[in-house]
Amino acid sequence: MPYDNAVAESFFSTLKNELTHHERFLTLDQARSRVFDYIEVFYNQKRRHQSLGYRSPAEFEKMADVS
């Protein structure tokens, strides 16, 4: 299926554009830490996603739990 990887490719494009293209990592551990922080702290908790009605994934999950 040609669309199977669309979500993953979109995420990695966003990651590259919002983090890795603008930052130089001195060590592999530093890169791992920054990518982890980007995903767990920013992308999932704060970043608004158009596909979720301009809510963060954390906000969207809370809404689903309440319903």
PDB file of N, CA and C in Angstrom:
ATOM      1  N   MET A   1       0.837  -1.170   0.000  1.00  0.00           N
ATOM      2  CA  MET A   1       0.000   0.000   0.000  1.00  0.00           C
ATOM      3  C   MET A   1       0.893   1.249   0.000  1.00  0.00           C
ATOM      4  N   PRO A   2       0.650   2.165  -0.890  1.00  0.00           N
ATOM      5  CA  PRO A   2       1.517   3.337  -0.987  1.00  0.00           C
ATOM      6  C   PRO A   2       1.351   4.334   0.154  1.00  0.00           C
ATOM      7  N   TYR A   3       0.262   4.279   0.918  1.00  0.00           N
ATOM      8  CA  TYR A   3       0.025   5.271   1.961  1.00  0.00           C
ATOM      9  C   TYR A   3       0.374   4.781   3.362  1.00  0.00           C
ATOM     10  N   ASP A   4       0.872   3.568   3.476  1.00  0.00           N
ATOM     11  CA  ASP A   4       1.169   2.987   4.781  1.00  0.00           C
ATOM     12  C   ASP A   4       2.177   3.799   5.583  1.00  0.00           C
ATOM     13  N   ASN A   5       3.142   4.396   4.947  1.00  0.00           N
ATOM     14  CA  ASN A   5       4.192   5.131   5.644  1.00  0.00           C
ATOM     15  C   ASN A   5       3.949   6.633   5.707  1.00  0.00           C
ATOM     16  N   ALA A   6       2.821   7.098   5.252  1.00  0.00           N
ATOM     17  CA  ALA A   6       2.580   8.542   5.170  1.00  0.00           C
ATOM     18  C   ALA A   6       2.669   9.225   6.534  1.00  0.00           C
ATOM     19  N   VAL A   7       2.094   8.627   7.554  1.00  0.00           N
ATOM     20  CA  VAL A   7       2.112   9.243   8.886  1.00  0.00           C
ATOM     21  C   VAL A   7       3.537   9.280   9.428  1.00  0.00           C
ATOM     22  N   ALA A   8       4.263   8.190   9.300  1.00  0.00           N
ATOM     23  CA  ALA A   8       5.646   8.141   9.785  1.00  0.00           C
ATOM     24  C   ALA A   8       6.525   9.126   9.022  1.00  0.00           C
ATOM     25  N   GLU A   9       6.369   9.185   7.724  1.00  0.00           N
ATOM     26  CA  GLU A   9       7.168  10.115   6.926  1.00  0.00           C
ATOM     27  C   GLU A   9       6.846  11.562   7.277  1.00  0.00           C
ATOM     28  N   SER A  10       5.590  11.861   7.534  1.00  0.00           N
ATOM     29  CA  SER A  10       5.203  13.205   7.934  1.00  0.00           C
ATOM     30  C   SER A  10       5.835  13.564   9.274  1.00  0.00           C
ATOM     31  N   PHE A  11       5.805  12.634  10.235  1.00  0.00           N
ATOM     32  CA  PHE A  11       6.402  12.886  11.542  1.00  0.00           C
ATOM     33  C   PHE A  11       7.895  13.157  11.407  1.00  0.00           C
ATOM     34  N   PHE A  12       8.618  12.310  10.666  1.00  0.00           N
ATOM     35  CA  PHE A  12      10.063  12.503  10.548  1.00  0.00           C
ATOM     36  C   PHE A  12      10.409  13.784   9.805  1.00  0.00           C
ATOM     37  N   SER A  13       9.584  14.176   8.865  1.00  0.00           N
ATOM     38  CA  SER A  13       9.789  15.466   8.193  1.00  0.00           C
ATOM     39  C   SER A  13       9.642  16.612   9.187  1.00  0.00           C
ATOM     40  N   THR A  14       8.611  16.532  10.027  1.00  0.00           N
ATOM     41  CA  THR A  14       8.395  17.554  11.055  1.00  0.00           C
ATOM     42  C   THR A  14       9.559  17.590  12.034  1.00  0.00           C
ATOM     43  N   LEU A  15       9.989  16.429  12.493  1.00  0.00           N
ATOM     44  CA  LEU A  15      11.123  16.336  13.415  1.00  0.00           C
ATOM     45  C   LEU A  15      12.361  16.995  12.819  1.00  0.00           C
ATOM     46  N   LYS A  16      12.654  16.682  11.580  1.00  0.00           N
ATOM     47  CA  LYS A  16      13.830  17.265  10.927  1.00  0.00           C
ATOM     48  C   LYS A  16      13.699  18.778  10.794  1.00  0.00           C
ATOM     49  N   ASN A  17      12.538  19.237  10.350  1.00  0.00           N
ATOM     50  CA  ASN A  17      12.356  20.670  10.129  1.00  0.00           C
ATOM     51  C   ASN A  17      12.313  21.478  11.421  1.00  0.00           C
ATOM     52  N   GLU A  18      11.756  20.911  12.482  1.00  0.00           N
ATOM     53  CA  GLU A  18      11.607  21.661  13.724  1.00  0.00           C
ATOM     54  C   GLU A  18      12.761  21.466  14.695  1.00  0.00           C
ATOM     55  N   LEU A  19      13.580  20.449  14.497  1.00  0.00           N
ATOM     56  CA  LEU A  19      14.649  20.206  15.462  1.00  0.00           C
ATOM     57  C   LEU A  19      16.009  20.003  14.799  1.00  0.00           C
ATOM     58  N   THR A  20      16.166  18.942  14.079  1.00  0.00           N
ATOM     59  CA  THR A  20      17.524  18.545  13.674  1.00  0.00           C
ATOM     60  C   THR A  20      18.169  19.452  12.631  1.00  0.00           C
ATOM     61  N   HIS A  21      17.391  20.094  11.778  1.00  0.00           N
ATOM     62  CA  HIS A  21      17.988  20.978  10.776  1.00  0.00           C
ATOM     63  C   HIS A  21      18.525  22.271  11.390  1.00  0.00           C
ATOM     64  N   HIS A  22      18.096  22.575  12.614  1.00  0.00           N
ATOM     65  CA  HIS A  22      18.466  23.833  13.249  1.00  0.00           C
ATOM     66  C   HIS A  22      19.432  23.665  14.412  1.00  0.00           C
ATOM     67  N   GLU A  23      19.883  22.465  14.631  1.00  0.00           N
ATOM     68  CA  GLU A  23      20.701  22.206  15.803  1.00  0.00           C
ATOM     69  C   GLU A  23      21.866  21.293  15.446  1.00  0.00           C
ATOM     70  N   ARG A  24      22.976  21.543  16.078  1.00  0.00           N
ATOM     71  CA  ARG A  24      24.159  20.697  15.893  1.00  0.00           C
ATOM     72  C   ARG A  24      24.411  19.950  17.192  1.00  0.00           C
ATOM     73  N   PHE A  25      24.470  18.640  17.100  1.00  0.00           N
ATOM     74  CA  PHE A  25      24.668  17.809  18.279  1.00  0.00           C
ATOM     75  C   PHE A  25      26.139  17.434  18.390  1.00  0.00           C
ATOM     76  N   LEU A  26      26.670  17.548  19.594  1.00  0.00           N
ATOM     77  CA  LEU A  26      28.080  17.248  19.815  1.00  0.00           C
ATOM     78  C   LEU A  26      28.325  15.758  20.034  1.00  0.00           C
ATOM     79  N   THR A  27      27.326  15.066  20.582  1.00  0.00           N
ATOM     80  CA  THR A  27      27.471  13.635  20.840  1.00  0.00           C
ATOM     81  C   THR A  27      26.179  12.918  20.462  1.00  0.00           C
ATOM     82  N   LEU A  28      26.271  11.619  20.303  1.00  0.00           N
ATOM     83  CA  LEU A  28      25.094  10.816  20.028  1.00  0.00           C
ATOM     84  C   LEU A  28      24.128  10.864  21.214  1.00  0.00           C
ATOM     85  N   ASP A  29      24.662  10.846  22.428  1.00  0.00           N
ATOM     86  CA  ASP A  29      23.807  10.938  23.613  1.00  0.00           C
ATOM     87  C   ASP A  29      23.047  12.258  23.661  1.00  0.00           C
ATOM     88  N   GLN A  30      23.694  13.337  23.268  1.00  0.00           N
ATOM     89  CA  GLN A  30      23.021  14.634  23.232  1.00  0.00           C
ATOM     90  C   GLN A  30      21.889  14.611  22.197  1.00  0.00           C
ATOM     91  N   ALA A  31      22.142  14.029  21.047  1.00  0.00           N
ATOM     92  CA  ALA A  31      21.114  13.930  20.008  1.00  0.00           C
ATOM     93  C   ALA A  31      19.932  13.096  20.501  1.00  0.00           C
ATOM     94  N   ARG A  32      20.217  11.961  21.115  1.00  0.00           N
ATOM     95  CA  ARG A  32      19.147  11.112  21.639  1.00  0.00           C
ATOM     96  C   ARG A  32      18.304  11.858  22.676  1.00  0.00           C
ATOM     97  N   SER A  33      18.957  12.564  23.565  1.00  0.00           N
ATOM     98  CA  SER A  33      18.263  13.306  24.612  1.00  0.00           C
ATOM     99  C   SER A  33      17.368  14.390  24.029  1.00  0.00           C
ATOM    100  N   ARG A  34      17.888  15.132  23.052  1.00  0.00           N
ATOM    101  CA  ARG A  34      17.107  16.224  22.440  1.00  0.00           C
ATOM    102  C   ARG A  34      15.923  15.679  21.648  1.00  0.00           C
ATOM    103  N   VAL A  35      16.115  14.562  20.948  1.00  0.00           N
ATOM    104  CA  VAL A  35      15.009  13.963  20.202  1.00  0.00           C
ATOM    105  C   VAL A  35      13.951  13.443  21.174  1.00  0.00           C
ATOM    106  N   PHE A  36      14.383  12.803  22.253  1.00  0.00           N
ATOM    107  CA  PHE A  36      13.437  12.335  23.270  1.00  0.00           C
ATOM    108  C   PHE A  36      12.640  13.509  23.838  1.00  0.00           C
ATOM    109  N   ASP A  37      13.318  14.574  24.218  1.00  0.00           N
ATOM    110  CA  ASP A  37      12.635  15.753  24.764  1.00  0.00           C
ATOM    111  C   ASP A  37      11.665  16.352  23.747  1.00  0.00           C
ATOM    112  N   TYR A  38      12.094  16.419  22.489  1.00  0.00           N
ATOM    113  CA  TYR A  38      11.222  16.962  21.444  1.00  0.00           C
ATOM    114  C   TYR A  38       9.926  16.158  21.363  1.00  0.00           C
ATOM    115  N   ILE A  39      10.045  14.834  21.345  1.00  0.00           N
ATOM    116  CA  ILE A  39       8.865  13.982  21.192  1.00  0.00           C
ATOM    117  C   ILE A  39       8.004  13.995  22.453  1.00  0.00           C
ATOM    118  N   GLU A  40       8.613  13.702  23.599  1.00  0.00           N
ATOM    119  CA  GLU A  40       7.846  13.514  24.829  1.00  0.00           C
ATOM    120  C   GLU A  40       7.380  14.816  25.476  1.00  0.00           C
ATOM    121  N   VAL A  41       8.183  15.867  25.390  1.00  0.00           N
ATOM    122  CA  VAL A  41       7.833  17.119  26.058  1.00  0.00           C
ATOM    123  C   VAL A  41       7.101  18.069  25.116  1.00  0.00           C
ATOM    124  N   PHE A  42       7.608  18.243  23.928  1.00  0.00           N
ATOM    125  CA  PHE A  42       7.005  19.227  23.028  1.00  0.00           C
ATOM    126  C   PHE A  42       5.941  18.615  22.112  1.00  0.00           C
ATOM    127  N   TYR A  43       6.323  17.646  21.287  1.00  0.00           N
ATOM    128  CA  TYR A  43       5.435  17.122  20.245  1.00  0.00           C
ATOM    129  C   TYR A  43       4.155  16.516  20.821  1.00  0.00           C
ATOM    130  N   ASN A  44       4.266  15.727  21.871  1.00  0.00           N
ATOM    131  CA  ASN A  44       3.088  15.062  22.429  1.00  0.00           C
ATOM    132  C   ASN A  44       2.320  15.898  23.442  1.00  0.00           C
ATOM    133  N   GLN A  45       2.988  16.825  24.110  1.00  0.00           N
ATOM    134  CA  GLN A  45       2.333  17.580  25.183  1.00  0.00           C
ATOM    135  C   GLN A  45       1.886  18.987  24.780  1.00  0.00           C
ATOM    136  N   LYS A  46       2.614  19.630  23.884  1.00  0.00           N
ATOM    137  CA  LYS A  46       2.357  21.046  23.600  1.00  0.00           C
ATOM    138  C   LYS A  46       2.006  21.357  22.153  1.00  0.00           C
ATOM    139  N   ARG A  47       2.647  20.670  21.209  1.00  0.00           N
ATOM    140  CA  ARG A  47       2.472  21.010  19.799  1.00  0.00           C
ATOM    141  C   ARG A  47       1.057  20.711  19.339  1.00  0.00           C
ATOM    142  N   ARG A  48       0.419  21.692  18.730  1.00  0.00           N
ATOM    143  CA  ARG A  48      -0.931  21.544  18.205  1.00  0.00           C
ATOM    144  C   ARG A  48      -0.864  20.800  16.870  1.00  0.00           C
ATOM    145  N   HIS A  49      -1.784  19.852  16.685  1.00  0.00           N
ATOM    146  CA  HIS A  49      -1.824  19.044  15.475  1.00  0.00           C
ATOM    147  C   HIS A  49      -3.119  19.333  14.720  1.00  0.00           C
ATOM    148  N   GLN A  50      -2.988  19.668  13.466  1.00  0.00           N
ATOM    149  CA  GLN A  50      -4.156  19.985  12.653  1.00  0.00           C
ATOM    150  C   GLN A  50      -5.118  18.801  12.613  1.00  0.00           C
ATOM    151  N   SER A  51      -4.592  17.597  12.482  1.00  0.00           N
ATOM    152  CA  SER A  51      -5.446  16.409  12.370  1.00  0.00           C
ATOM    153  C   SER A  51      -6.211  16.104  13.658  1.00  0.00           C
ATOM    154  N   LEU A  52      -5.823  16.736  14.766  1.00  0.00           N
ATOM    155  CA  LEU A  52      -6.506  16.529  16.051  1.00  0.00           C
ATOM    156  C   LEU A  52      -7.334  17.745  16.440  1.00  0.00           C
ATOM    157  N   GLY A  53      -7.720  18.531  15.459  1.00  0.00           N
ATOM    158  CA  GLY A  53      -8.523  19.723  15.748  1.00  0.00           C
ATOM    159  C   GLY A  53      -7.729  20.798  16.452  1.00  0.00           C
ATOM    160  N   TYR A  54      -6.453  20.918  16.112  1.00  0.00           N
ATOM    161  CA  TYR A  54      -5.534  21.894  16.708  1.00  0.00           C
ATOM    162  C   TYR A  54      -5.404  21.709  18.220  1.00  0.00           C
ATOM    163  N   ARG A  55      -5.347  20.447  18.630  1.00  0.00           N
ATOM    164  CA  ARG A  55      -5.067  20.083  20.016  1.00  0.00           C
ATOM    165  C   ARG A  55      -3.769  19.284  20.040  1.00  0.00           C
ATOM    166  N   SER A  56      -3.135  19.254  21.187  1.00  0.00           N
ATOM    167  CA  SER A  56      -1.959  18.400  21.334  1.00  0.00           C
ATOM    168  C   SER A  56      -2.443  16.963  21.505  1.00  0.00           C
ATOM    169  N   PRO A  57      -1.604  15.979  21.231  1.00  0.00           N
ATOM    170  CA  PRO A  57      -2.014  14.590  21.474  1.00  0.00           C
ATOM    171  C   PRO A  57      -2.436  14.350  22.923  1.00  0.00           C
ATOM    172  N   ALA A  58      -1.772  14.982  23.873  1.00  0.00           N
ATOM    173  CA  ALA A  58      -2.142  14.819  25.279  1.00  0.00           C
ATOM    174  C   ALA A  58      -3.548  15.359  25.534  1.00  0.00           C
ATOM    175  N   GLU A  59      -3.858  16.528  24.981  1.00  0.00           N
ATOM    176  CA  GLU A  59      -5.203  17.095  25.135  1.00  0.00           C
ATOM    177  C   GLU A  59      -6.248  16.202  24.476  1.00  0.00           C
ATOM    178  N   PHE A  60      -5.914  15.699  23.305  1.00  0.00           N
ATOM    179  CA  PHE A  60      -6.838  14.844  22.571  1.00  0.00           C
ATOM    180  C   PHE A  60      -7.142  13.565  23.341  1.00  0.00           C
ATOM    181  N   GLU A  61      -6.132  12.967  23.941  1.00  0.00           N
ATOM    182  CA  GLU A  61      -6.329  11.747  24.741  1.00  0.00           C
ATOM    183  C   GLU A  61      -7.195  12.025  25.966  1.00  0.00           C
ATOM    184  N   LYS A  62      -6.975  13.155  26.604  1.00  0.00           N
ATOM    185  CA  LYS A  62      -7.796  13.517  27.767  1.00  0.00           C
ATOM    186  C   LYS A  62      -9.269  13.646  27.374  1.00  0.00           C
ATOM    187  N   MET A  63      -9.524  14.223  26.209  1.00  0.00           N
ATOM    188  CA  MET A  63     -10.899  14.349  25.731  1.00  0.00           C
ATOM    189  C   MET A  63     -11.522  12.976  25.504  1.00  0.00           C
ATOM    190  N   ALA A  64     -10.754  12.066  24.953  1.00  0.00           N
ATOM    191  CA  ALA A  64     -11.258  10.716  24.674  1.00  0.00           C
ATOM    192  C   ALA A  64     -11.557   9.969  25.960  1.00  0.00           C
ATOM    193  N   ASP A  65     -10.754  10.188  27.016  1.00  0.00           N
ATOM    194  CA  ASP A  65     -10.968   9.527  28.299  1.00  0.00           C
ATOM    195  C   ASP A  65     -12.230  10.019  29.001  1.00  0.00           C
ATOM    196  N   VAL A  66     -12.554  11.286  28.797  1.00  0.00           N
ATOM    197  CA  VAL A  66     -13.710  11.891  29.469  1.00  0.00           C
ATOM    198  C   VAL A  66     -15.010  11.409  28.836  1.00  0.00           C
ATOM    199  N   SER A  67     -15.008  11.225  27.558  1.00  0.00           N
ATOM    200  CA  SER A  67     -16.256  10.867  26.830  1.00  0.00           C
ATOM    201  C   SER A  67     -16.732   9.485  27.143  1.00  0.00           C
TER     202      SER A  67
END
